[in-house]
Amino acid sequence: MSRIKEFNLPDLGEGLTEGEILAWLVKVGDVIELNQPIVEVETAKAAVEIPAKWAGQVQAIFHPEGSTVEVGTPIIAIDTDPGAGPIEESTTGAPASALPTPSAASLAAVEVAPAEGAVEPGLIGGPAPGGRTAVLVGYGPRTAAAKRRPRRGDTPVPAQAATPVAPTQPAPVVTAPSNGHGPSGGPVLAKPPVRKLAKDLGVDLSTLTGSGPLGSITREDVQRAASAAATAAEPLAVSAPATAAASFGADREQRIPVKGVRKLTAENMSRSAFTAPHVTEFLTVDVTRAMKALDRLRNRREWRDVRVSPLLLVAKAVLLAVKRHPMVNSTWAGDEIVVKDYVNLGIAAATERGLIVPNIKDAGRLSLRELADAMTDLVQTAKTGKTSPADMSGGTLTITNVGVFGVDTGTPILPPGESAILAFGAVREMPWVHKGKVKPRQVTTLGLSFDHRIIDGELGSKFLRDIGEFLADPEAALLAWT
């Protein structure tokens, strides 16, 4: 059995195909232990450290940091028995110098395949004798210049280098009385529109030599003469330094490779947007009572060390509304709808590596305190970039908190496999009619996108209404629903 074992990049999640090597935690020659982290890899879902499958000594690292490697590709070689002495040469292999040298006859018998994209001789589009190209009928034109057979008596003329000709300056227009004749003494040939143009521009046709048929004067001749006269009449001026034209080339562009989390997000959003028919509904809610309930909760002694935010109440509202409308927590499976009795609640999180959606497993079974702790751990893990692929798999329903960016609401796109996603907007103090009077109240806007194959307008509206009712008066909703 070989002492050298090659470690392949494993599949770190559900169907991942590649990963980017962020950092090697070992180097060639290091002695490593079993399950010791050896490399940090960023997949399309998370950045994870991969442990060694064997103890031993690192013999080779096949891919540098920053390279993207497909799953199943060897990334490192480990000597599993470094104490057994130096590694012997393979008996099956032989040095290159020991291999027989091919003879000239054998090399001549080798048929070399045409290069990729090339067409074999004789076929349409392929090369033909004389530098021509075979076409459908006959051959195309020669690529070389045509040669004339020398005639009897011709004297060969030596080739001379071309002498550059200085550009000719336009001759100044001679403004002399016109007698209806041109420079050669003959009559001026010009059409009536050209004569009118010459009159308007002050050009004497008798001073011009026509470039048209039979020496007739054209509009271009007149305009050229007028331009030359204007140029000659202008005094020489000191030219100011020209302002550089704005550049819109690659030097003012940035190209960012699409990989990792960004690549997965793009694929998922494109697939979801063009697969599930999206419908989005909006609801504006007075959440003043909910904000006061949060303040009272923060002041309780057992909650003083717990992170309490409006998102916590939104999550609780969603979980209670799902119990009242279970069809919202389902998946379209082609010929059937899978309704799930558990809620893996996803919380969209913006990180330096892009948008990720980790989820809280079986969130419906958690108490409010347990839900708060789980959300805190989820956010902190996401910010450090240590979210595992397992934490981002299996989501059933998602909340995206766009309010933290000062946005009122949005039309979120469903994560693949889910039937609903809620956008929670910013909580603002706004004028609101309360008990018959206009008063400043805490108000937010909710946006619910859902898969119209599963959720019709009535179900989506009732689900969104229940979330709004809980946020408008959470204490009364708890008493009524539980």
Foldseek 3Di string as FASTA:
>chain_A
DAQKDFDFAADQFPPFWKWAWADAPDDAFDWDAFQCFGTWIFTQAFIDTGGDHATAGWHDADDDHGDMDTGGHGGTMGRRCPVPDDDDDDPVDDDPVPDDDDDPVVVVPDDDDDDPPADDPPDAQHADPQQWGHHPPDTDDHPDDDDDDDDPPDDDDDDDDDDDDDDDQDDAADDDDDPQAAPVRHGAAEDPVLVVVCVVLVGHSNDFFDPDPPRHHDNVRSVVNSVSNVVVPDDDDDDDDDDDDDDDDPVPDDDDDQGHNNVVVVVQLVCQPVPFDKDKDKDKFFLQQVVVVQVVQCPDPVCVPFDDDVVLLLVVLLLLLCVVPQLQQWFDDPVDIGGDPFAFEWEWAQEPVGIATFTHGRVSVDDSRRSRVVVVVVHVCVHVRNDRNVRRPDGREYEYEPQVVVAQWDRDGDGHGYFKYKYKHHWDFDFDQDPNDTDTTTMGMMMMMGRCVRDPPVSVVSSVVSSSVCSNPVVVSVVVRD
